[in-house]
Amino acid sequence: MHVRHGLQSAAPAPTRKSWRVGLCLALSSSFLGTSALAQTGTGSGGGNTAGTGTLRTYSPPEPGLAQQDQHGGSGGYGSSYAGSDYSWIPYTRRGYVGISLGNSDYETPCGPAPLSCDNRGRSFALYTGGMFNDFLGLELGFRHYGKVDRAGGKARAYGGNLSLVGMLDLENVSFYGKAGAIYGHTSITADPLSGVIVGTKNGWGPSATLGVGFNFNRNFTISLERSRDRFKLPGGGSSYVQSTSLALKYRF
């Protein structure tokens, strides 16, 4: 049987490249589908994406004032201000300086009437401190209780004190106590007929302060304080001097 020239057989044989083309198309479709799913998936992806249909960068919530630190750290529980590493007191951080103004109350002898017996004077104090941790610190200060008229003369007391500070510092308010020692100077003058021993005296005595503060912001606190210090008197005795003060503290 003869086949006519110009006519082809029933079906053409497949080419060599057909299977390669199909494989490439399949791989391309799979890659494009995976990319689209990663960018437009629903829900959040591992903390790095959020929302639906849009790729977003996750931003952790800003810590509250109680956890903020100027150096990237975090404050302890109950501390409103983690503060800085800067302090004028060695081995402490979260340093501060402060000033207080108030009224003093002397308990030195008055002598017999009708000699003057004024108890009240003007007091002021300057101090700086730092914290070992959130609750315990150290403070160095100078306190002057002013002059008062007593026994026909004047009484004056001042000195430098070193105190341990215990503090509970909350978001908007702080409670603290200071306990330590003061190296004081006392000067007493009096009428010769008063029987009061006159002169000057230096020496150590106990020092204590209780206070409550109100935090305006990260740096400034205004406080109400009650202080009580014991001073040596000429002749070998001693006497307490007290003060109620309003203090302003700046934290570094």
Protein backbone atom coordinates (compact mmCIF):
# COMPACT_ATOMS: atom_id res chain seq x y z
CA MET A 1 0.00 0.00 0.00
CA HIS A 2 1.43 3.32 -0.97
CA VAL A 3 1.23 6.56 1.06
CA ARG A 4 0.61 9.69 -0.79
CA HIS A 5 3.30 12.28 -0.74
CA GLY A 6 2.47 15.52 1.17
CA LEU A 7 0.27 13.78 3.80
CA GLN A 8 1.44 13.46 7.44
CA SER A 9 0.90 10.68 9.94
CA ALA A 10 -2.07 10.79 12.35
CA ALA A 11 -0.41 12.58 15.48
CA PRO A 12 2.88 14.50 15.85
CA ALA A 13 5.45 13.18 18.35
CA PRO A 14 5.92 15.31 21.50
CA THR A 15 8.99 17.54 21.56
CA ARG A 16 11.83 17.15 24.10
CA LYS A 17 11.29 20.53 25.71
CA SER A 18 7.60 20.14 26.56
CA TRP A 19 8.17 18.53 29.99
CA ARG A 20 10.69 21.21 30.98
CA VAL A 21 8.30 24.02 30.15
CA GLY A 22 5.57 22.43 32.25
CA LEU A 23 7.87 22.04 35.27
CA CYS A 24 8.93 25.69 35.12
CA LEU A 25 5.31 26.85 34.98
CA ALA A 26 4.39 24.74 38.01
CA LEU A 27 7.32 26.04 40.11
CA SER A 28 6.52 29.65 39.18
CA SER A 29 2.88 29.27 40.19
CA SER A 30 3.85 27.73 43.54
CA PHE A 31 6.36 30.54 44.36
CA LEU A 32 3.92 33.34 43.50
CA GLY A 33 1.18 31.76 45.59
CA THR A 34 3.43 31.45 48.64
CA SER A 35 4.58 35.11 48.41
CA ALA A 36 1.01 36.38 48.15
CA LEU A 37 -0.06 34.34 51.18
CA ALA A 38 2.80 35.76 53.32
CA GLN A 39 1.92 39.38 52.45
CA THR A 40 -1.88 39.24 52.50
CA GLY A 41 -2.61 36.55 55.03
CA THR A 42 -5.25 37.01 57.71
CA GLY A 43 -4.32 37.31 61.40
CA SER A 44 -0.97 38.22 62.95
CA GLY A 45 2.20 36.47 61.99
CA GLY A 46 4.63 35.65 64.83
CA GLY A 47 4.51 39.07 66.43
CA ASN A 48 5.92 40.72 63.26
CA THR A 49 2.70 41.27 61.32
CA ALA A 50 -0.70 42.48 62.43
CA GLY A 51 -4.08 43.20 60.85
CA THR A 52 -5.56 41.77 57.65
CA GLY A 53 -4.18 42.27 54.17
CA THR A 54 -1.28 44.54 55.17
CA LEU A 55 2.25 43.81 56.39
CA ARG A 56 2.97 45.79 59.55
CA THR A 57 5.87 46.09 61.95
CA TYR A 58 5.08 45.08 65.54
CA SER A 59 5.69 47.81 68.12
CA PRO A 60 5.68 46.70 71.76
CA PRO A 61 3.59 48.86 74.12
CA GLU A 62 5.48 51.71 75.73
CA PRO A 63 6.25 50.88 79.37
CA GLY A 64 4.56 52.92 82.04
CA LEU A 65 6.37 55.41 84.24
CA ALA A 66 7.05 52.70 86.80
CA GLN A 67 9.13 50.69 84.32
CA GLN A 68 10.91 53.46 82.41
CA ASP A 69 14.64 54.01 82.75
CA GLN A 70 16.76 56.70 81.13
CA HIS A 71 19.31 54.03 80.28
CA GLY A 72 16.94 51.46 78.80
CA GLY A 73 16.47 49.42 81.95
CA SER A 74 13.37 48.94 84.01
CA GLY A 75 12.59 50.03 87.50
CA GLY A 76 11.57 47.64 90.23
CA TYR A 77 8.06 47.05 91.51
CA GLY A 78 6.52 50.10 93.09
CA SER A 79 9.19 52.51 91.86
CA SER A 80 7.80 55.49 89.91
CA TYR A 81 11.16 56.53 88.54
CA ALA A 82 13.93 54.12 87.61
CA GLY A 83 16.19 57.12 87.18
CA SER A 84 19.72 57.43 85.90
CA ASP A 85 23.06 55.97 86.93
CA TYR A 86 24.29 59.44 87.92
CA SER A 87 24.70 60.31 91.61
CA TRP A 88 27.02 62.42 93.73
CA ILE A 89 27.09 59.70 96.41
CA PRO A 90 29.57 56.87 95.65
CA TYR A 91 28.16 53.40 94.95
CA THR A 92 24.63 54.74 94.43
CA ARG A 93 22.47 55.63 91.42
CA ARG A 94 19.23 57.56 90.85
CA GLY A 95 20.85 60.62 92.44
CA TYR A 96 19.01 63.73 93.60
CA VAL A 97 19.50 67.12 95.23
CA GLY A 98 17.07 69.01 97.42
CA ILE A 99 16.37 72.08 99.50
CA SER A 100 13.92 72.55 102.37
CA LEU A 101 12.60 75.60 104.21
CA GLY A 102 10.58 75.60 107.40
CA ASN A 103 10.13 76.48 111.06
CA SER A 104 12.38 75.21 113.85
CA ASP A 105 11.46 74.43 117.46
CA TYR A 106 14.17 74.68 120.15
CA GLU A 107 14.13 72.96 123.53
CA THR A 108 17.17 74.69 125.06
CA PRO A 109 16.84 76.25 128.56
CA CYS A 110 14.98 79.54 128.89
CA GLY A 111 16.05 80.73 132.33
CA PRO A 112 13.69 82.42 134.83
CA ALA A 113 10.92 84.80 133.83
CA PRO A 114 10.71 87.48 132.58
CA LEU A 115 13.64 86.59 130.33
CA SER A 116 12.88 85.87 126.69
CA CYS A 117 11.90 82.32 125.81
CA ASP A 118 11.32 82.15 122.08
CA ASN A 119 11.04 78.61 120.71
CA ARG A 120 10.57 79.25 117.00
CA GLY A 121 13.11 80.02 114.32
CA ARG A 122 13.57 79.64 110.59
CA SER A 123 15.26 76.49 109.33
CA PHE A 124 16.68 75.42 106.01
CA ALA A 125 18.50 72.37 104.70
CA LEU A 126 20.48 71.37 101.63
CA TYR A 127 21.06 67.71 100.76
CA THR A 128 22.02 65.24 98.09
CA GLY A 129 21.47 61.51 97.96
CA GLY A 130 21.36 58.37 95.88
CA MET A 131 19.75 54.94 95.98
CA PHE A 132 21.37 51.52 96.35
CA ASN A 133 18.14 49.95 95.06
CA ASP A 134 14.45 50.87 94.82
CA PHE A 135 13.97 51.07 98.58
CA LEU A 136 17.28 51.92 100.30
CA GLY A 137 19.61 54.88 99.80
CA LEU A 138 22.17 57.19 101.42
CA GLU A 139 21.95 60.94 101.93
CA LEU A 140 24.41 63.68 102.91
CA GLY A 141 23.11 67.06 104.00
CA PHE A 142 23.51 70.31 105.91
CA ARG A 143 20.83 71.66 108.25
CA HIS A 144 20.57 75.05 109.95
CA TYR A 145 17.86 75.63 112.56
CA GLY A 146 18.24 79.40 112.73
CA LYS A 147 18.53 81.61 115.81
CA VAL A 148 16.04 82.16 118.62
CA ASP A 149 15.95 84.58 121.57
CA ARG A 150 16.19 82.64 124.84
CA ALA A 151 17.25 83.45 128.40
CA GLY A 152 18.18 87.03 127.52
CA GLY A 153 20.51 85.84 124.75
CA LYS A 154 20.39 83.68 121.64
CA ALA A 155 20.53 79.99 120.81
CA ARG A 156 21.72 78.69 117.46
CA ALA A 157 22.25 75.15 116.12
CA TYR A 158 23.39 73.73 112.80
CA GLY A 159 25.34 70.77 111.44
CA GLY A 160 25.99 68.21 108.75
CA ASN A 161 24.19 64.88 108.76
CA LEU A 162 24.60 61.48 107.14
CA SER A 163 21.51 59.28 106.90
CA LEU A 164 20.22 56.03 105.52
CA VAL A 165 17.04 56.57 103.50
CA GLY A 166 14.15 54.13 103.29
CA MET A 167 11.72 54.94 100.48
CA LEU A 168 8.49 53.66 99.00
CA ASP A 169 8.20 55.52 95.69
CA LEU A 170 4.82 55.07 93.98
CA GLU A 171 3.48 56.56 90.75
CA ASN A 172 2.42 59.94 92.13
CA VAL A 173 3.41 59.89 95.79
CA SER A 174 6.41 58.76 97.83
CA PHE A 175 6.85 57.94 101.52
CA TYR A 176 10.27 58.00 103.15
CA GLY A 177 12.18 58.03 106.37
CA LYS A 178 15.77 59.08 107.14
CA ALA A 179 17.78 57.85 110.11
CA GLY A 180 21.39 58.69 110.87
CA ALA A 181 23.65 61.05 112.75
CA ILE A 182 24.38 64.77 112.72
CA TYR A 183 27.63 66.43 113.67
CA GLY A 184 26.30 69.65 115.10
CA HIS A 185 27.48 72.99 116.40
CA THR A 186 25.55 74.72 119.18
CA SER A 187 26.05 78.31 120.31
CA ILE A 188 24.35 79.65 123.47
CA THR A 189 24.42 83.18 124.86
CA ALA A 190 22.31 84.31 127.84
CA ASP A 191 21.81 86.96 130.49
CA PRO A 192 24.35 86.51 133.32
CA LEU A 193 21.47 86.31 135.83
CA SER A 194 19.68 83.55 133.94
CA GLY A 195 21.81 80.71 135.27
CA VAL A 196 22.04 79.25 131.74
CA ILE A 197 25.48 77.93 130.77
CA VAL A 198 26.80 79.79 127.75
CA GLY A 199 29.40 78.91 125.15
CA THR A 200 29.69 76.66 122.12
CA LYS A 201 29.70 72.90 121.75
CA ASN A 202 30.35 70.45 118.91
CA GLY A 203 29.45 66.78 118.80
CA TRP A 204 27.50 63.91 117.31
CA GLY A 205 23.83 63.23 117.88
CA PRO A 206 21.03 61.17 116.35
CA SER A 207 19.10 62.55 113.38
CA ALA A 208 15.72 61.46 111.98
CA THR A 209 13.25 62.68 109.35
CA LEU A 210 9.85 61.48 108.14
CA GLY A 211 8.33 62.77 104.91
CA VAL A 212 5.70 62.38 102.23
CA GLY A 213 6.32 63.62 98.70
CA PHE A 214 4.19 64.34 95.65
CA ASN A 215 5.79 63.59 92.27
CA PHE A 216 5.00 66.25 89.67
CA ASN A 217 6.91 64.41 86.94
CA ARG A 218 9.98 62.22 86.45
CA ASN A 219 12.31 64.84 87.97
CA PHE A 220 10.55 67.07 90.50
CA THR A 221 9.04 66.16 93.87
CA ILE A 222 7.67 68.48 96.56
CA SER A 223 7.59 67.06 100.10
CA LEU A 224 6.40 67.80 103.60
CA GLU A 225 9.02 66.78 106.21
CA ARG A 226 9.33 66.55 109.97
CA SER A 227 12.91 66.42 111.31
CA ARG A 228 14.33 65.91 114.80
CA ASP A 229 18.05 66.23 115.66
CA ARG A 230 19.90 66.18 118.97
CA PHE A 231 22.68 68.71 119.68
CA LYS A 232 25.30 68.91 122.40
CA LEU A 233 24.99 71.87 124.80
CA PRO A 234 27.70 73.79 126.64
CA GLY A 235 28.17 72.29 130.06
CA GLY A 236 27.73 68.66 128.98
CA GLY A 237 24.00 68.39 128.31
CA SER A 238 22.10 67.90 125.08
CA SER A 239 18.84 69.09 123.59
CA TYR A 240 16.61 68.22 120.63
CA VAL A 241 15.76 70.71 117.91
CA GLN A 242 12.86 69.97 115.56
CA SER A 243 11.56 71.43 112.32
CA THR A 244 8.60 71.16 109.97
CA SER A 245 9.65 71.94 106.41
CA LEU A 246 8.56 72.09 102.82
CA ALA A 247 11.16 70.49 100.52
CA LEU A 248 11.77 70.54 96.78
CA LYS A 249 13.77 67.65 95.30
CA TYR A 250 15.24 67.33 91.82
CA ARG A 251 16.12 63.82 90.58
CA PHE A 252 18.84 63.45 87.93
